[in-house]
C-alpha atoms as a PDB file:
ATOM      1  CA  MET A   1     131.882 124.257 107.089  1.00  0.00           C
ATOM      2  CA  LYS A   2     131.844 121.755 104.235  1.00  0.00           C
ATOM      3  CA  SER A   3     132.465 118.786 106.522  1.00  0.00           C
ATOM      4  CA  LYS A   4     129.605 120.014 108.737  1.00  0.00           C
ATOM      5  CA  LYS A   5     127.334 120.242 105.681  1.00  0.00           C
ATOM      6  CA  PHE A   6     128.359 116.717 104.671  1.00  0.00           C
ATOM      7  CA  ALA A   7     127.623 115.342 108.127  1.00  0.00           C
ATOM      8  CA  ILE A   8     124.199 117.009 108.240  1.00  0.00           C
ATOM      9  CA  THR A   9     123.343 115.760 104.741  1.00  0.00           C
ATOM     10  CA  LEU A  10     124.454 112.231 105.594  1.00  0.00           C
ATOM     11  CA  ILE A  11     122.275 112.246 108.707  1.00  0.00           C
ATOM     12  CA  ILE A  12     119.282 113.431 106.665  1.00  0.00           C
ATOM     13  CA  ILE A  13     119.798 110.711 104.046  1.00  0.00           C
ATOM     14  CA  LEU A  14     120.236 107.970 106.587  1.00  0.00           C
ATOM     15  CA  SER A  15     117.331 109.185 108.708  1.00  0.00           C
ATOM     16  CA  ASN A  16     115.049 108.455 105.760  1.00  0.00           C
ATOM     17  CA  LEU A  17     115.975 104.786 106.016  1.00  0.00           C
ATOM     18  CA  ASN A  18     113.901 102.541 108.209  1.00  0.00           C
ATOM     19  CA  ALA A  19     116.548  99.853 108.568  1.00  0.00           C
ATOM     20  CA  PHE A  20     114.370  97.746 110.861  1.00  0.00           C
ATOM     21  CA  GLY A  21     111.330  97.377 108.650  1.00  0.00           C
ATOM     22  CA  GLN A  22     111.759  98.792 105.159  1.00  0.00           C
ATOM     23  CA  ASN A  23     111.440  96.324 102.324  1.00  0.00           C
ATOM     24  CA  ARG A  24     114.421  96.633  99.962  1.00  0.00           C
ATOM     25  CA  GLY A  25     111.881  96.829  97.096  1.00  0.00           C
ATOM     26  CA  ALA A  26     112.960  99.404  94.526  1.00  0.00           C
ATOM     27  CA  PHE A  27     116.349  99.766  96.198  1.00  0.00           C
ATOM     28  CA  SER A  28     117.377  96.426  94.704  1.00  0.00           C
ATOM     29  CA  GLU A  29     117.174  98.000  91.208  1.00  0.00           C
ATOM     30  CA  MET A  30     120.734  99.254  91.769  1.00  0.00           C
ATOM     31  CA  ASP A  31     122.134  95.999  93.150  1.00  0.00           C
ATOM     32  CA  PHE A  32     124.025  95.566  89.879  1.00  0.00           C
ATOM     33  CA  LEU A  33     126.515  98.101  91.304  1.00  0.00           C
ATOM     34  CA  GLN A  34     127.727  95.827  94.089  1.00  0.00           C
ATOM     35  CA  GLY A  35     131.275  94.636  93.621  1.00  0.00           C
ATOM     36  CA  GLU A  36     134.487  96.059  92.226  1.00  0.00           C
ATOM     37  CA  TRP A  37     134.702  98.105  89.042  1.00  0.00           C
ATOM     38  CA  LYS A  38     137.265  99.591  86.691  1.00  0.00           C
ATOM     39  CA  PHE A  39     136.349 102.862  84.955  1.00  0.00           C
ATOM     40  CA  GLU A  40     137.750 104.059  81.665  1.00  0.00           C
ATOM     41  CA  ALA A  41     137.002 107.726  82.343  1.00  0.00           C
ATOM     42  CA  LYS A  42     137.299 111.072  80.651  1.00  0.00           C
ATOM     43  CA  SER A  43     136.970 114.508  82.197  1.00  0.00           C
ATOM     44  CA  LEU A  44     136.527 117.846  80.466  1.00  0.00           C
ATOM     45  CA  LEU A  45     139.416 120.295  80.812  1.00  0.00           C
ATOM     46  CA  LEU A  46     139.172 124.094  80.689  1.00  0.00           C
ATOM     47  CA  ASP A  47     140.525 124.205  77.124  1.00  0.00           C
ATOM     48  CA  GLY A  48     137.712 121.905  75.905  1.00  0.00           C
ATOM     49  CA  SER A  49     139.905 118.822  75.555  1.00  0.00           C
ATOM     50  CA  TYR A  50     139.528 115.668  77.630  1.00  0.00           C
ATOM     51  CA  GLN A  51     141.804 113.986  80.123  1.00  0.00           C
ATOM     52  CA  TYR A  52     141.606 110.180  80.156  1.00  0.00           C
ATOM     53  CA  GLN A  53     142.143 108.183  83.318  1.00  0.00           C
ATOM     54  CA  GLU A  54     141.443 104.832  84.957  1.00  0.00           C
ATOM     55  CA  PHE A  55     139.481 104.834  88.185  1.00  0.00           C
ATOM     56  CA  TYR A  56     138.440 101.964  90.404  1.00  0.00           C
ATOM     57  CA  SER A  57     135.550 101.585  92.781  1.00  0.00           C
ATOM     58  CA  LYS A  58     134.271  99.181  95.348  1.00  0.00           C
ATOM     59  CA  VAL A  59     130.519  99.249  95.996  1.00  0.00           C
ATOM     60  CA  GLU A  60     129.091  97.587  99.066  1.00  0.00           C
ATOM     61  CA  LEU A  61     125.824  97.514 100.948  1.00  0.00           C
ATOM     62  CA  ILE A  62     125.634  99.338 104.265  1.00  0.00           C
ATOM     63  CA  HIS A  63     122.867 100.026 106.815  1.00  0.00           C
ATOM     64  CA  ASN A  64     121.275  96.581 106.740  1.00  0.00           C
ATOM     65  CA  GLY A  65     121.277  96.507 102.952  1.00  0.00           C
ATOM     66  CA  LEU A  66     119.380  99.790 102.502  1.00  0.00           C
ATOM     67  CA  ALA A  67     122.234 101.962 101.210  1.00  0.00           C
ATOM     68  CA  HIS A  68     125.284 101.629  98.955  1.00  0.00           C
ATOM     69  CA  LYS A  69     128.694 103.074  99.674  1.00  0.00           C
ATOM     70  CA  ASP A  70     131.087 103.518  96.754  1.00  0.00           C
ATOM     71  CA  ASP A  71     134.748 104.358  97.300  1.00  0.00           C
ATOM     72  CA  PHE A  72     136.579 105.716  94.229  1.00  0.00           C
ATOM     73  CA  HIS A  73     140.338 105.653  93.798  1.00  0.00           C
ATOM     74  CA  PHE A  74     143.041 105.765  91.118  1.00  0.00           C
ATOM     75  CA  LYS A  75     146.791 105.304  90.793  1.00  0.00           C
ATOM     76  CA  ASP A  76     149.030 108.351  90.486  1.00  0.00           C
ATOM     77  CA  GLN A  77     151.950 108.502  88.064  1.00  0.00           C
ATOM     78  CA  ASN A  78     154.136 106.724  90.657  1.00  0.00           C
ATOM     79  CA  GLY A  79     151.681 103.825  90.997  1.00  0.00           C
ATOM     80  CA  ASN A  80     150.393 104.870  94.436  1.00  0.00           C
ATOM     81  CA  TRP A  81     146.696 104.505  95.230  1.00  0.00           C
ATOM     82  CA  VAL A  82     144.924 107.835  95.704  1.00  0.00           C
ATOM     83  CA  ILE A  83     141.487 108.167  97.285  1.00  0.00           C
ATOM     84  CA  TYR A  84     139.278 110.266  95.021  1.00  0.00           C
ATOM     85  CA  GLY A  85     135.949 110.277  96.830  1.00  0.00           C
ATOM     86  CA  SER A  86     132.881 108.394  97.998  1.00  0.00           C
ATOM     87  CA  THR A  87     129.187 108.144  97.233  1.00  0.00           C
ATOM     88  CA  ILE A  88     126.374 107.104  99.518  1.00  0.00           C
ATOM     89  CA  ARG A  89     123.174 106.103  97.727  1.00  0.00           C
ATOM     90  CA  SER A  90     119.782 105.123  99.167  1.00  0.00           C
ATOM     91  CA  TYR A  91     116.176 104.822  98.103  1.00  0.00           C
ATOM     92  CA  ASP A  92     113.484 106.851  99.846  1.00  0.00           C
ATOM     93  CA  SER A  93     110.320 104.740  99.657  1.00  0.00           C
ATOM     94  CA  LYS A  94     108.193 107.661 100.906  1.00  0.00           C
ATOM     95  CA  SER A  95     109.045 109.888  97.936  1.00  0.00           C
ATOM     96  CA  GLY A  96     109.778 107.052  95.487  1.00  0.00           C
ATOM     97  CA  ARG A  97     113.095 108.742  94.669  1.00  0.00           C
ATOM     98  CA  TRP A  98     116.737 107.824  94.935  1.00  0.00           C
ATOM     99  CA  LYS A  99     118.996 109.988  97.084  1.00  0.00           C
ATOM    100  CA  MET A 100     122.694 110.235  96.462  1.00  0.00           C
ATOM    101  CA  LEU A 101     125.527 112.132  98.113  1.00  0.00           C
ATOM    102  CA  TRP A 102     128.940 112.460  96.441  1.00  0.00           C
ATOM    103  CA  TYR A 103     131.966 113.982  98.123  1.00  0.00           C
ATOM    104  CA  ASN A 104     135.585 114.008  97.069  1.00  0.00           C
ATOM    105  CA  TYR A 105     138.433 113.142  99.392  1.00  0.00           C
ATOM    106  CA  ASN A 106     139.089 116.644 100.764  1.00  0.00           C
ATOM    107  CA  LEU A 107     135.430 117.750 100.739  1.00  0.00           C
ATOM    108  CA  SER A 108     136.166 120.460  98.173  1.00  0.00           C
ATOM    109  CA  SER A 109     133.209 119.093  96.204  1.00  0.00           C
ATOM    110  CA  ILE A 110     129.935 117.866  97.677  1.00  0.00           C
ATOM    111  CA  THR A 111     126.891 117.038  95.555  1.00  0.00           C
ATOM    112  CA  GLU A 112     123.402 116.158  96.782  1.00  0.00           C
ATOM    113  CA  MET A 113     121.184 114.447  94.208  1.00  0.00           C
ATOM    114  CA  THR A 114     117.809 112.802  93.765  1.00  0.00           C
ATOM    115  CA  GLY A 115     116.935 110.391  91.007  1.00  0.00           C
ATOM    116  CA  GLU A 116     114.651 107.882  89.404  1.00  0.00           C
ATOM    117  CA  PHE A 117     114.784 104.700  87.329  1.00  0.00           C
ATOM    118  CA  LYS A 118     113.032 105.105  83.976  1.00  0.00           C
ATOM    119  CA  ASP A 119     113.281 103.295  80.632  1.00  0.00           C
ATOM    120  CA  GLY A 120     116.201 101.144  81.795  1.00  0.00           C
ATOM    121  CA  LYS A 121     118.288 104.134  82.960  1.00  0.00           C
ATOM    122  CA  PHE A 122     118.941 105.869  86.258  1.00  0.00           C
ATOM    123  CA  TYR A 123     118.605 109.660  86.091  1.00  0.00           C
ATOM    124  CA  PHE A 124     119.915 111.908  88.876  1.00  0.00           C
ATOM    125  CA  ASN A 125     119.737 115.694  89.258  1.00  0.00           C
ATOM    126  CA  GLY A 126     121.352 117.728  91.956  1.00  0.00           C
ATOM    127  CA  LYS A 127     123.384 120.636  93.136  1.00  0.00           C
ATOM    128  CA  GLY A 128     126.611 121.185  94.940  1.00  0.00           C
ATOM    129  CA  THR A 129     129.669 123.336  95.428  1.00  0.00           C
ATOM    130  CA  ASP A 130     133.304 122.995  94.510  1.00  0.00           C
ATOM    131  CA  GLU A 131     136.338 125.246  94.123  1.00  0.00           C
ATOM    132  CA  LYS A 132     134.638 126.994  91.164  1.00  0.00           C
ATOM    133  CA  GLY A 133     131.423 127.755  93.060  1.00  0.00           C
ATOM    134  CA  GLU A 134     127.855 126.479  93.077  1.00  0.00           C
ATOM    135  CA  TYR A 135     126.684 124.160  90.315  1.00  0.00           C
ATOM    136  CA  ILE A 136     123.830 121.965  89.183  1.00  0.00           C
ATOM    137  CA  GLU A 137     124.364 118.669  87.449  1.00  0.00           C
ATOM    138  CA  LYS A 138     122.697 115.736  85.751  1.00  0.00           C
ATOM    139  CA  ILE A 139     123.919 112.140  85.895  1.00  0.00           C
ATOM    140  CA  VAL A 140     122.746 109.144  83.886  1.00  0.00           C
ATOM    141  CA  PHE A 141     123.573 105.437  84.356  1.00  0.00           C
ATOM    142  CA  TYR A 142     122.818 103.726  81.013  1.00  0.00           C
ATOM    143  CA  ASN A 143     123.629 100.648  78.866  1.00  0.00           C
ATOM    144  CA  ILE A 144     123.341  98.683  82.088  1.00  0.00           C
ATOM    145  CA  GLU A 145     124.410  95.051  81.905  1.00  0.00           C
ATOM    146  CA  GLU A 146     125.509  92.617  84.629  1.00  0.00           C
ATOM    147  CA  ASP A 147     129.228  93.319  84.183  1.00  0.00           C
ATOM    148  CA  ARG A 148     129.262  96.684  82.406  1.00  0.00           C
ATOM    149  CA  TYR A 149     127.514 100.062  82.308  1.00  0.00           C
ATOM    150  CA  ASN A 150     128.044 103.632  81.128  1.00  0.00           C
ATOM    151  CA  TRP A 151     127.781 106.797  83.173  1.00  0.00           C
ATOM    152  CA  LYS A 152     127.839 110.471  82.233  1.00  0.00           C
ATOM    153  CA  ASN A 153     127.668 113.759  84.071  1.00  0.00           C
ATOM    154  CA  ASP A 154     126.671 117.169  82.691  1.00  0.00           C
ATOM    155  CA  LYS A 155     127.413 120.237  84.816  1.00  0.00           C
ATOM    156  CA  SER A 156     126.347 123.892  84.846  1.00  0.00           C
ATOM    157  CA  TYR A 157     127.763 126.766  86.891  1.00  0.00           C
ATOM    158  CA  ASP A 158     125.194 129.310  85.683  1.00  0.00           C
ATOM    159  CA  GLY A 159     121.914 127.795  86.846  1.00  0.00           C
ATOM    160  CA  GLY A 160     121.418 125.670  83.721  1.00  0.00           C
ATOM    161  CA  ASN A 161     121.809 128.378  81.067  1.00  0.00           C
ATOM    162  CA  THR A 162     124.868 126.612  79.664  1.00  0.00           C
ATOM    163  CA  TRP A 163     125.934 123.016  80.209  1.00  0.00           C
ATOM    164  CA  MET A 164     129.303 121.307  80.032  1.00  0.00           C
ATOM    165  CA  LYS A 165     128.207 118.094  78.337  1.00  0.00           C
ATOM    166  CA  GLU A 166     129.955 114.963  79.555  1.00  0.00           C
ATOM    167  CA  PHE A 167     131.911 116.993  82.101  1.00  0.00           C
ATOM    168  CA  PHE A 168     132.877 113.572  83.429  1.00  0.00           C
ATOM    169  CA  SER A 169     131.958 110.196  81.932  1.00  0.00           C
ATOM    170  CA  TYR A 170     133.084 106.600  82.047  1.00  0.00           C
ATOM    171  CA  THR A 171     132.538 103.038  80.951  1.00  0.00           C
ATOM    172  CA  ALA A 172     132.537 100.698  83.961  1.00  0.00           C
ATOM    173  CA  THR A 173     133.657  97.078  83.714  1.00  0.00           C
ATOM    174  CA  ARG A 174     133.260  94.644  86.610  1.00  0.00           C
ATOM    175  CA  ILE A 175     136.594  93.296  87.874  1.00  0.00           C
ATOM    176  CA  LYS A 176     135.290  91.091  90.712  1.00  0.00           C
END
């Protein structure tokens, strides 16, 4: 069911792209993401403490330069590369909003988001499901520079009544 939902969502996102005539326009605002990145990340654990980890990502343009695809991975304790998940991001010129789809490697978590660029930051809001149930979340890209940026994610499993602040966050540094 989840892989079917992912496929349908991906088709909807990509169907909003007019790859034969759309000007890249506002889409180019996120071109800083292209390339390879190292993330110094922290994720919130159930006991309220944080787990620290290094992640890596490669961001490339797809669909005639009108979408980004990010692949996230990390090394396990034995030094083997592990695929963590992927993001597909596009800009919908009709609505003036960003669209983003995140899914982890086994599709146990899928998030659909929309966003905007305002005051030098990218703000995304969305909803999804994972092993704990349905959630809503907020993501912010901030302190954006050519070779570095910060990212944070707040998540709620109760419709926004309570939030897990910085459920996942990282500082990204360009490596290539």
